[in-house]
Amino acid sequence: RDADRLPSGNTLVTDSSNHRVLEVTP
């Protein structure tokens, strides 16, 4: 339910029903 593009180019992902937040590379 949320995805933010970070200055590094990675993306901060809010994976709601998995109860977690991920930072992923492109």
mmCIF file of all heavy atoms, coordinates in Angstrom:
data_MODEL
# 
_entry.id   MODEL 
# 
loop_
_atom_site.group_PDB 
_atom_site.id 
_atom_site.type_symbol 
_atom_site.label_atom_id 
_atom_site.label_alt_id 
_atom_site.label_comp_id 
_atom_site.label_asym_id 
_atom_site.label_entity_id 
_atom_site.label_seq_id 
_atom_site.pdbx_PDB_ins_code 
_atom_site.Cartn_x 
_atom_site.Cartn_y 
_atom_site.Cartn_z 
_atom_site.occupancy 
_atom_site.B_iso_or_equiv 
_atom_site.pdbx_formal_charge 
_atom_site.auth_seq_id 
_atom_site.auth_comp_id 
_atom_site.auth_asym_id 
_atom_site.auth_atom_id 
_atom_site.pdbx_PDB_model_num 
ATOM 1   N N   . ARG A 1 1  ? 0.798  -1.226  0.000   1.00 0.00 ? 1  ARG A N   1 
ATOM 2   C CA  . ARG A 1 1  ? 0.000  0.000   0.000   1.00 0.00 ? 1  ARG A CA  1 
ATOM 3   C C   . ARG A 1 1  ? 0.833  1.280   0.000   1.00 0.00 ? 1  ARG A C   1 
ATOM 4   O O   . ARG A 1 1  ? 0.273  2.366   0.152   1.00 0.00 ? 1  ARG A O   1 
ATOM 5   C CB  . ARG A 1 1  ? -0.976 -0.010  1.177   1.00 0.00 ? 1  ARG A CB  1 
ATOM 6   C CG  . ARG A 1 1  ? -2.074 -1.056  1.017   1.00 0.00 ? 1  ARG A CG  1 
ATOM 7   C CD  . ARG A 1 1  ? -3.177 -0.874  2.034   1.00 0.00 ? 1  ARG A CD  1 
ATOM 8   N NE  . ARG A 1 1  ? -2.738 -1.237  3.379   1.00 0.00 ? 1  ARG A NE  1 
ATOM 9   C CZ  . ARG A 1 1  ? -3.482 -1.070  4.463   1.00 0.00 ? 1  ARG A CZ  1 
ATOM 10  N NH1 . ARG A 1 1  ? -4.669 -0.508  4.379   1.00 0.00 ? 1  ARG A NH1 1 
ATOM 11  N NH2 . ARG A 1 1  ? -3.039 -1.450  5.651   1.00 0.00 ? 1  ARG A NH2 1 
ATOM 12  N N   . ASP A 1 2  ? 2.127  1.165   -0.188  1.00 0.00 ? 2  ASP A N   1 
ATOM 13  C CA  . ASP A 1 2  ? 2.938  2.371   -0.295  1.00 0.00 ? 2  ASP A CA  1 
ATOM 14  C C   . ASP A 1 2  ? 4.256  2.012   -0.940  1.00 0.00 ? 2  ASP A C   1 
ATOM 15  O O   . ASP A 1 2  ? 4.790  0.915   -0.718  1.00 0.00 ? 2  ASP A O   1 
ATOM 16  C CB  . ASP A 1 2  ? 3.174  2.988   1.091   1.00 0.00 ? 2  ASP A CB  1 
ATOM 17  C CG  . ASP A 1 2  ? 3.848  4.357   1.018   1.00 0.00 ? 2  ASP A CG  1 
ATOM 18  O OD1 . ASP A 1 2  ? 3.572  5.094   0.050   1.00 0.00 ? 2  ASP A OD1 1 
ATOM 19  O OD2 . ASP A 1 2  ? 4.637  4.687   1.924   1.00 0.00 ? 2  ASP A OD2 1 
ATOM 20  N N   . ALA A 1 3  ? 4.783  2.928   -1.746  1.00 0.00 ? 3  ALA A N   1 
ATOM 21  C CA  . ALA A 1 3  ? 6.104  2.764   -2.353  1.00 0.00 ? 3  ALA A CA  1 
ATOM 22  C C   . ALA A 1 3  ? 6.711  4.147   -2.522  1.00 0.00 ? 3  ALA A C   1 
ATOM 23  O O   . ALA A 1 3  ? 6.106  5.025   -3.129  1.00 0.00 ? 3  ALA A O   1 
ATOM 24  C CB  . ALA A 1 3  ? 6.010  2.047   -3.704  1.00 0.00 ? 3  ALA A CB  1 
ATOM 25  N N   . ASP A 1 4  ? 7.895  4.341   -1.957  1.00 0.00 ? 4  ASP A N   1 
ATOM 26  C CA  . ASP A 1 4  ? 8.599  5.619   -2.040  1.00 0.00 ? 4  ASP A CA  1 
ATOM 27  C C   . ASP A 1 4  ? 9.940  5.404   -2.724  1.00 0.00 ? 4  ASP A C   1 
ATOM 28  O O   . ASP A 1 4  ? 10.712 4.526   -2.317  1.00 0.00 ? 4  ASP A O   1 
ATOM 29  C CB  . ASP A 1 4  ? 8.842  6.211   -0.650  1.00 0.00 ? 4  ASP A CB  1 
ATOM 30  C CG  . ASP A 1 4  ? 7.562  6.444   0.130   1.00 0.00 ? 4  ASP A CG  1 
ATOM 31  O OD1 . ASP A 1 4  ? 6.510  6.629   -0.516  1.00 0.00 ? 4  ASP A OD1 1 
ATOM 32  O OD2 . ASP A 1 4  ? 7.606  6.428   1.376   1.00 0.00 ? 4  ASP A OD2 1 
ATOM 33  N N   . ARG A 1 5  ? 10.236 6.213   -3.723  1.00 0.00 ? 5  ARG A N   1 
ATOM 34  C CA  . ARG A 1 5  ? 11.531 6.149   -4.377  1.00 0.00 ? 5  ARG A CA  1 
ATOM 35  C C   . ARG A 1 5  ? 12.538 6.970   -3.576  1.00 0.00 ? 5  ARG A C   1 
ATOM 36  O O   . ARG A 1 5  ? 12.361 8.174   -3.370  1.00 0.00 ? 5  ARG A O   1 
ATOM 37  C CB  . ARG A 1 5  ? 11.412 6.673   -5.810  1.00 0.00 ? 5  ARG A CB  1 
ATOM 38  C CG  . ARG A 1 5  ? 12.697 6.625   -6.653  1.00 0.00 ? 5  ARG A CG  1 
ATOM 39  C CD  . ARG A 1 5  ? 13.243 5.217   -6.871  1.00 0.00 ? 5  ARG A CD  1 
ATOM 40  N NE  . ARG A 1 5  ? 12.245 4.221   -7.198  1.00 0.00 ? 5  ARG A NE  1 
ATOM 41  C CZ  . ARG A 1 5  ? 11.661 4.091   -8.396  1.00 0.00 ? 5  ARG A CZ  1 
ATOM 42  N NH1 . ARG A 1 5  ? 11.963 4.914   -9.387  1.00 0.00 ? 5  ARG A NH1 1 
ATOM 43  N NH2 . ARG A 1 5  ? 10.765 3.138   -8.602  1.00 0.00 ? 5  ARG A NH2 1 
ATOM 44  N N   . LEU A 1 6  ? 13.587 6.320   -3.135  1.00 0.00 ? 6  LEU A N   1 
ATOM 45  C CA  . LEU A 1 6  ? 14.615 6.968   -2.332  1.00 0.00 ? 6  LEU A CA  1 
ATOM 46  C C   . LEU A 1 6  ? 15.652 7.633   -3.237  1.00 0.00 ? 6  LEU A C   1 
ATOM 47  O O   . LEU A 1 6  ? 15.784 7.273   -4.411  1.00 0.00 ? 6  LEU A O   1 
ATOM 48  C CB  . LEU A 1 6  ? 15.283 5.935   -1.433  1.00 0.00 ? 6  LEU A CB  1 
ATOM 49  C CG  . LEU A 1 6  ? 14.346 5.186   -0.477  1.00 0.00 ? 6  LEU A CG  1 
ATOM 50  C CD1 . LEU A 1 6  ? 15.101 4.085   0.266   1.00 0.00 ? 6  LEU A CD1 1 
ATOM 51  C CD2 . LEU A 1 6  ? 13.703 6.153   0.507   1.00 0.00 ? 6  LEU A CD2 1 
ATOM 52  N N   . PRO A 1 7  ? 16.394 8.605   -2.714  1.00 0.00 ? 7  PRO A N   1 
ATOM 53  C CA  . PRO A 1 7  ? 17.413 9.270   -3.533  1.00 0.00 ? 7  PRO A CA  1 
ATOM 54  C C   . PRO A 1 7  ? 18.437 8.322   -4.132  1.00 0.00 ? 7  PRO A C   1 
ATOM 55  O O   . PRO A 1 7  ? 18.995 8.587   -5.201  1.00 0.00 ? 7  PRO A O   1 
ATOM 56  C CB  . PRO A 1 7  ? 18.069 10.244  -2.541  1.00 0.00 ? 7  PRO A CB  1 
ATOM 57  C CG  . PRO A 1 7  ? 17.007 10.537  -1.529  1.00 0.00 ? 7  PRO A CG  1 
ATOM 58  C CD  . PRO A 1 7  ? 16.239 9.247   -1.383  1.00 0.00 ? 7  PRO A CD  1 
ATOM 59  N N   . SER A 1 8  ? 18.700 7.201   -3.466  1.00 0.00 ? 8  SER A N   1 
ATOM 60  C CA  . SER A 1 8  ? 19.658 6.221   -3.975  1.00 0.00 ? 8  SER A CA  1 
ATOM 61  C C   . SER A 1 8  ? 19.160 5.499   -5.221  1.00 0.00 ? 8  SER A C   1 
ATOM 62  O O   . SER A 1 8  ? 19.940 4.833   -5.910  1.00 0.00 ? 8  SER A O   1 
ATOM 63  C CB  . SER A 1 8  ? 19.958 5.187   -2.892  1.00 0.00 ? 8  SER A CB  1 
ATOM 64  O OG  . SER A 1 8  ? 18.791 4.424   -2.592  1.00 0.00 ? 8  SER A OG  1 
ATOM 65  N N   . GLY A 1 9  ? 17.862 5.583   -5.493  1.00 0.00 ? 9  GLY A N   1 
ATOM 66  C CA  . GLY A 1 9  ? 17.265 4.812   -6.568  1.00 0.00 ? 9  GLY A CA  1 
ATOM 67  C C   . GLY A 1 9  ? 16.565 3.562   -6.082  1.00 0.00 ? 9  GLY A C   1 
ATOM 68  O O   . GLY A 1 9  ? 15.803 2.938   -6.832  1.00 0.00 ? 9  GLY A O   1 
ATOM 69  N N   . ASN A 1 10 ? 16.810 3.168   -4.833  1.00 0.00 ? 10 ASN A N   1 
ATOM 70  C CA  . ASN A 1 10 ? 16.069 2.060   -4.248  1.00 0.00 ? 10 ASN A CA  1 
ATOM 71  C C   . ASN A 1 10 ? 14.640 2.509   -3.932  1.00 0.00 ? 10 ASN A C   1 
ATOM 72  O O   . ASN A 1 10 ? 14.333 3.693   -3.910  1.00 0.00 ? 10 ASN A O   1 
ATOM 73  C CB  . ASN A 1 10 ? 16.749 1.560   -2.969  1.00 0.00 ? 10 ASN A CB  1 
ATOM 74  C CG  . ASN A 1 10 ? 18.053 0.843   -3.247  1.00 0.00 ? 10 ASN A CG  1 
ATOM 75  O OD1 . ASN A 1 10 ? 18.379 0.554   -4.396  1.00 0.00 ? 10 ASN A OD1 1 
ATOM 76  N ND2 . ASN A 1 10 ? 18.814 0.581   -2.203  1.00 0.00 ? 10 ASN A ND2 1 
ATOM 77  N N   . THR A 1 11 ? 13.770 1.544   -3.676  1.00 0.00 ? 11 THR A N   1 
ATOM 78  C CA  . THR A 1 11 ? 12.365 1.824   -3.394  1.00 0.00 ? 11 THR A CA  1 
ATOM 79  C C   . THR A 1 11 ? 11.999 1.252   -2.041  1.00 0.00 ? 11 THR A C   1 
ATOM 80  O O   . THR A 1 11 ? 12.303 0.093   -1.735  1.00 0.00 ? 11 THR A O   1 
ATOM 81  C CB  . THR A 1 11 ? 11.457 1.218   -4.481  1.00 0.00 ? 11 THR A CB  1 
ATOM 82  O OG1 . THR A 1 11 ? 11.850 1.725   -5.763  1.00 0.00 ? 11 THR A OG1 1 
ATOM 83  C CG2 . THR A 1 11 ? 9.998  1.572   -4.239  1.00 0.00 ? 11 THR A CG2 1 
ATOM 84  N N   . LEU A 1 12 ? 11.355 2.081   -1.224  1.00 0.00 ? 12 LEU A N   1 
ATOM 85  C CA  . LEU A 1 12 ? 10.874 1.657   0.090   1.00 0.00 ? 12 LEU A CA  1 
ATOM 86  C C   . LEU A 1 12 ? 9.435  1.190   -0.082  1.00 0.00 ? 12 LEU A C   1 
ATOM 87  O O   . LEU A 1 12 ? 8.557  1.973   -0.439  1.00 0.00 ? 12 LEU A O   1 
ATOM 88  C CB  . LEU A 1 12 ? 10.960 2.814   1.082   1.00 0.00 ? 12 LEU A CB  1 
ATOM 89  C CG  . LEU A 1 12 ? 10.743 2.484   2.557   1.00 0.00 ? 12 LEU A CG  1 
ATOM 90  C CD1 . LEU A 1 12 ? 11.892 1.616   3.087   1.00 0.00 ? 12 LEU A CD1 1 
ATOM 91  C CD2 . LEU A 1 12 ? 10.615 3.767   3.372   1.00 0.00 ? 12 LEU A CD2 1 
ATOM 92  N N   . VAL A 1 13 ? 9.182  -0.087  0.174   1.00 0.00 ? 13 VAL A N   1 
ATOM 93  C CA  . VAL A 1 13 ? 7.893  -0.720  -0.093  1.00 0.00 ? 13 VAL A CA  1 
ATOM 94  C C   . VAL A 1 13 ? 7.226  -1.102  1.221   1.00 0.00 ? 13 VAL A C   1 
ATOM 95  O O   . VAL A 1 13 ? 7.831  -1.773  2.063   1.00 0.00 ? 13 VAL A O   1 
ATOM 96  C CB  . VAL A 1 13 ? 8.063  -1.974  -0.976  1.00 0.00 ? 13 VAL A CB  1 
ATOM 97  C CG1 . VAL A 1 13 ? 6.726  -2.687  -1.165  1.00 0.00 ? 13 VAL A CG1 1 
ATOM 98  C CG2 . VAL A 1 13 ? 8.661  -1.598  -2.327  1.00 0.00 ? 13 VAL A CG2 1 
ATOM 99  N N   . THR A 1 14 ? 5.971  -0.685  1.387   1.00 0.00 ? 14 THR A N   1 
ATOM 100 C CA  . THR A 1 14 ? 5.171  -1.094  2.527   1.00 0.00 ? 14 THR A CA  1 
ATOM 101 C C   . THR A 1 14 ? 4.304  -2.277  2.109   1.00 0.00 ? 14 THR A C   1 
ATOM 102 O O   . THR A 1 14 ? 3.322  -2.117  1.396   1.00 0.00 ? 14 THR A O   1 
ATOM 103 C CB  . THR A 1 14 ? 4.289  0.071   3.016   1.00 0.00 ? 14 THR A CB  1 
ATOM 104 O OG1 . THR A 1 14 ? 5.128  1.166   3.382   1.00 0.00 ? 14 THR A OG1 1 
ATOM 105 C CG2 . THR A 1 14 ? 3.452  -0.344  4.209   1.00 0.00 ? 14 THR A CG2 1 
ATOM 106 N N   . ASP A 1 15 ? 4.703  -3.467  2.539   1.00 0.00 ? 15 ASP A N   1 
ATOM 107 C CA  . ASP A 1 15 ? 4.050  -4.721  2.173   1.00 0.00 ? 15 ASP A CA  1 
ATOM 108 C C   . ASP A 1 15 ? 3.043  -5.054  3.269   1.00 0.00 ? 15 ASP A C   1 
ATOM 109 O O   . ASP A 1 15 ? 3.326  -5.822  4.193   1.00 0.00 ? 15 ASP A O   1 
ATOM 110 C CB  . ASP A 1 15 ? 5.110  -5.808  2.015   1.00 0.00 ? 15 ASP A CB  1 
ATOM 111 C CG  . ASP A 1 15 ? 4.581  -7.090  1.420   1.00 0.00 ? 15 ASP A CG  1 
ATOM 112 O OD1 . ASP A 1 15 ? 3.462  -7.061  0.864   1.00 0.00 ? 15 ASP A OD1 1 
ATOM 113 O OD2 . ASP A 1 15 ? 5.285  -8.113  1.500   1.00 0.00 ? 15 ASP A OD2 1 
ATOM 114 N N   . SER A 1 16 ? 1.833  -4.504  3.146   1.00 0.00 ? 16 SER A N   1 
ATOM 115 C CA  . SER A 1 16 ? 0.917  -4.388  4.280   1.00 0.00 ? 16 SER A CA  1 
ATOM 116 C C   . SER A 1 16 ? 0.561  -5.713  4.938   1.00 0.00 ? 16 SER A C   1 
ATOM 117 O O   . SER A 1 16 ? 0.742  -5.894  6.143   1.00 0.00 ? 16 SER A O   1 
ATOM 118 C CB  . SER A 1 16 ? -0.364 -3.681  3.835   1.00 0.00 ? 16 SER A CB  1 
ATOM 119 O OG  . SER A 1 16 ? -0.133 -2.311  3.639   1.00 0.00 ? 16 SER A OG  1 
ATOM 120 N N   . SER A 1 17 ? -0.013 -6.628  4.184   1.00 0.00 ? 17 SER A N   1 
ATOM 121 C CA  . SER A 1 17 ? -0.511 -7.857  4.794   1.00 0.00 ? 17 SER A CA  1 
ATOM 122 C C   . SER A 1 17 ? 0.598  -8.834  5.150   1.00 0.00 ? 17 SER A C   1 
ATOM 123 O O   . SER A 1 17 ? 0.355  -9.825  5.847   1.00 0.00 ? 17 SER A O   1 
ATOM 124 C CB  . SER A 1 17 ? -1.534 -8.531  3.876   1.00 0.00 ? 17 SER A CB  1 
ATOM 125 O OG  . SER A 1 17 ? -2.723 -7.782  3.841   1.00 0.00 ? 17 SER A OG  1 
ATOM 126 N N   . ASN A 1 18 ? 1.815  -8.571  4.688   1.00 0.00 ? 18 ASN A N   1 
ATOM 127 C CA  . ASN A 1 18 ? 2.971  -9.329  5.155   1.00 0.00 ? 18 ASN A CA  1 
ATOM 128 C C   . ASN A 1 18 ? 3.641  -8.649  6.344   1.00 0.00 ? 18 ASN A C   1 
ATOM 129 O O   . ASN A 1 18 ? 4.699  -9.109  6.800   1.00 0.00 ? 18 ASN A O   1 
ATOM 130 C CB  . ASN A 1 18 ? 3.983  -9.533  4.027   1.00 0.00 ? 18 ASN A CB  1 
ATOM 131 C CG  . ASN A 1 18 ? 3.560  -10.624 3.066   1.00 0.00 ? 18 ASN A CG  1 
ATOM 132 O OD1 . ASN A 1 18 ? 2.827  -11.537 3.436   1.00 0.00 ? 18 ASN A OD1 1 
ATOM 133 N ND2 . ASN A 1 18 ? 4.011  -10.544 1.813   1.00 0.00 ? 18 ASN A ND2 1 
ATOM 134 N N   . HIS A 1 19 ? 3.064  -7.531  6.807   1.00 0.00 ? 19 HIS A N   1 
ATOM 135 C CA  . HIS A 1 19 ? 3.476  -6.871  8.052   1.00 0.00 ? 19 HIS A CA  1 
ATOM 136 C C   . HIS A 1 19 ? 4.932  -6.413  8.015   1.00 0.00 ? 19 HIS A C   1 
ATOM 137 O O   . HIS A 1 19 ? 5.640  -6.462  9.026   1.00 0.00 ? 19 HIS A O   1 
ATOM 138 C CB  . HIS A 1 19 ? 3.260  -7.792  9.253   1.00 0.00 ? 19 HIS A CB  1 
ATOM 139 C CG  . HIS A 1 19 ? 1.952  -8.495  9.261   1.00 0.00 ? 19 HIS A CG  1 
ATOM 140 N ND1 . HIS A 1 19 ? 0.748  -7.837  9.453   1.00 0.00 ? 19 HIS A ND1 1 
ATOM 141 C CD2 . HIS A 1 19 ? 1.626  -9.800  9.058   1.00 0.00 ? 19 HIS A CD2 1 
ATOM 142 C CE1 . HIS A 1 19 ? -0.243 -8.712  9.387   1.00 0.00 ? 19 HIS A CE1 1 
ATOM 143 N NE2 . HIS A 1 19 ? 0.260  -9.905  9.147   1.00 0.00 ? 19 HIS A NE2 1 
ATOM 144 N N   . ARG A 1 20 ? 5.382  -5.930  6.861   1.00 0.00 ? 20 ARG A N   1 
ATOM 145 C CA  . ARG A 1 20 ? 6.796  -5.589  6.758   1.00 0.00 ? 20 ARG A CA  1 
ATOM 146 C C   . ARG A 1 20 ? 7.023  -4.411  5.830   1.00 0.00 ? 20 ARG A C   1 
ATOM 147 O O   . ARG A 1 20 ? 6.167  -4.038  5.015   1.00 0.00 ? 20 ARG A O   1 
ATOM 148 C CB  . ARG A 1 20 ? 7.592  -6.792  6.240   1.00 0.00 ? 20 ARG A CB  1 
ATOM 149 C CG  . ARG A 1 20 ? 7.166  -7.236  4.842   1.00 0.00 ? 20 ARG A CG  1 
ATOM 150 C CD  . ARG A 1 20 ? 7.985  -8.403  4.331   1.00 0.00 ? 20 ARG A CD  1 
ATOM 151 N NE  . ARG A 1 20 ? 7.544  -8.841  3.017   1.00 0.00 ? 20 ARG A NE  1 
ATOM 152 C CZ  . ARG A 1 20 ? 8.179  -9.726  2.265   1.00 0.00 ? 20 ARG A CZ  1 
ATOM 153 N NH1 . ARG A 1 20 ? 9.302  -10.284 2.714   1.00 0.00 ? 20 ARG A NH1 1 
ATOM 154 N NH2 . ARG A 1 20 ? 7.706  -10.075 1.088   1.00 0.00 ? 20 ARG A NH2 1 
ATOM 155 N N   . VAL A 1 21 ? 8.210  -3.835  5.954   1.00 0.00 ? 21 VAL A N   1 
ATOM 156 C CA  . VAL A 1 21 ? 8.680  -2.783  5.058   1.00 0.00 ? 21 VAL A CA  1 
ATOM 157 C C   . VAL A 1 21 ? 9.994  -3.253  4.447   1.00 0.00 ? 21 VAL A C   1 
ATOM 158 O O   . VAL A 1 21 ? 10.868 -3.773  5.156   1.00 0.00 ? 21 VAL A O   1 
ATOM 159 C CB  . VAL A 1 21 ? 8.870  -1.459  5.809   1.00 0.00 ? 21 VAL A CB  1 
ATOM 160 C CG1 . VAL A 1 21 ? 9.516  -0.412  4.914   1.00 0.00 ? 21 VAL A CG1 1 
ATOM 161 C CG2 . VAL A 1 21 ? 7.530  -0.947  6.334   1.00 0.00 ? 21 VAL A CG2 1 
ATOM 162 N N   . LEU A 1 22 ? 10.106 -3.076  3.148   1.00 0.00 ? 22 LEU A N   1 
ATOM 163 C CA  . LEU A 1 22 ? 11.273 -3.544  2.409   1.00 0.00 ? 22 LEU A CA  1 
ATOM 164 C C   . LEU A 1 22 ? 11.948 -2.378  1.697   1.00 0.00 ? 22 LEU A C   1 
ATOM 165 O O   . LEU A 1 22 ? 11.273 -1.484  1.193   1.00 0.00 ? 22 LEU A O   1 
ATOM 166 C CB  . LEU A 1 22 ? 10.878 -4.566  1.336   1.00 0.00 ? 22 LEU A CB  1 
ATOM 167 C CG  . LEU A 1 22 ? 9.961  -5.720  1.711   1.00 0.00 ? 22 LEU A CG  1 
ATOM 168 C CD1 . LEU A 1 22 ? 9.412  -6.388  0.461   1.00 0.00 ? 22 LEU A CD1 1 
ATOM 169 C CD2 . LEU A 1 22 ? 10.728 -6.730  2.550   1.00 0.00 ? 22 LEU A CD2 1 
ATOM 170 N N   . GLU A 1 23 ? 13.270 -2.415  1.641   1.00 0.00 ? 23 GLU A N   1 
ATOM 171 C CA  . GLU A 1 23 ? 13.990 -1.554  0.703   1.00 0.00 ? 23 GLU A CA  1 
ATOM 172 C C   . GLU A 1 23 ? 14.562 -2.444  -0.374  1.00 0.00 ? 23 GLU A C   1 
ATOM 173 O O   . GLU A 1 23 ? 15.297 -3.397  -0.080  1.00 0.00 ? 23 GLU A O   1 
ATOM 174 C CB  . GLU A 1 23 ? 15.107 -0.781  1.395   1.00 0.00 ? 23 GLU A CB  1 
ATOM 175 C CG  . GLU A 1 23 ? 15.843 0.146   0.432   1.00 0.00 ? 23 GLU A CG  1 
ATOM 176 C CD  . GLU A 1 23 ? 16.959 0.951   1.078   1.00 0.00 ? 23 GLU A CD  1 
ATOM 177 O OE1 . GLU A 1 23 ? 16.913 1.139   2.319   1.00 0.00 ? 23 GLU A OE1 1 
ATOM 178 O OE2 . GLU A 1 23 ? 17.865 1.388   0.337   1.00 0.00 ? 23 GLU A OE2 1 
ATOM 179 N N   . VAL A 1 24 ? 14.192 -2.157  -1.625  1.00 0.00 ? 24 VAL A N   1 
ATOM 180 C CA  . VAL A 1 24 ? 14.607 -3.008  -2.738  1.00 0.00 ? 24 VAL A CA  1 
ATOM 181 C C   . VAL A 1 24 ? 15.381 -2.189  -3.757  1.00 0.00 ? 24 VAL A C   1 
ATOM 182 O O   . VAL A 1 24 ? 15.135 -0.986  -3.932  1.00 0.00 ? 24 VAL A O   1 
ATOM 183 C CB  . VAL A 1 24 ? 13.396 -3.695  -3.415  1.00 0.00 ? 24 VAL A CB  1 
ATOM 184 C CG1 . VAL A 1 24 ? 12.611 -4.522  -2.418  1.00 0.00 ? 24 VAL A CG1 1 
ATOM 185 C CG2 . VAL A 1 24 ? 12.483 -2.673  -4.075  1.00 0.00 ? 24 VAL A CG2 1 
ATOM 186 N N   . THR A 1 25 ? 16.313 -2.831  -4.431  1.00 0.00 ? 25 THR A N   1 
ATOM 187 C CA  . THR A 1 25 ? 17.066 -2.186  -5.502  1.00 0.00 ? 25 THR A CA  1 
ATOM 188 C C   . THR A 1 25 ? 16.181 -2.078  -6.746  1.00 0.00 ? 25 THR A C   1 
ATOM 189 O O   . THR A 1 25 ? 15.103 -2.697  -6.812  1.00 0.00 ? 25 THR A O   1 
ATOM 190 C CB  . THR A 1 25 ? 18.319 -3.006  -5.849  1.00 0.00 ? 25 THR A CB  1 
ATOM 191 O OG1 . THR A 1 25 ? 17.899 -4.255  -6.442  1.00 0.00 ? 25 THR A OG1 1 
ATOM 192 C CG2 . THR A 1 25 ? 19.155 -3.278  -4.604  1.00 0.00 ? 25 THR A CG2 1 
ATOM 193 N N   . PRO A 1 26 ? 16.600 -1.317  -7.749  1.00 0.00 ? 26 PRO A N   1 
ATOM 194 C CA  . PRO A 1 26 ? 15.809 -1.256  -8.981  1.00 0.00 ? 26 PRO A CA  1 
ATOM 195 C C   . PRO A 1 26 ? 15.579 -2.614  -9.621  1.00 0.00 ? 26 PRO A C   1 
ATOM 196 O O   . PRO A 1 26 ? 14.605 -2.804  -10.353 1.00 0.00 ? 26 PRO A O   1 
ATOM 197 C CB  . PRO A 1 26 ? 16.653 -0.343  -9.889  1.00 0.00 ? 26 PRO A CB  1 
ATOM 198 C CG  . PRO A 1 26 ? 17.414 0.523   -8.943  1.00 0.00 ? 26 PRO A CG  1 
ATOM 199 C CD  . PRO A 1 26 ? 17.732 -0.359  -7.773  1.00 0.00 ? 26 PRO A CD  1 
# 
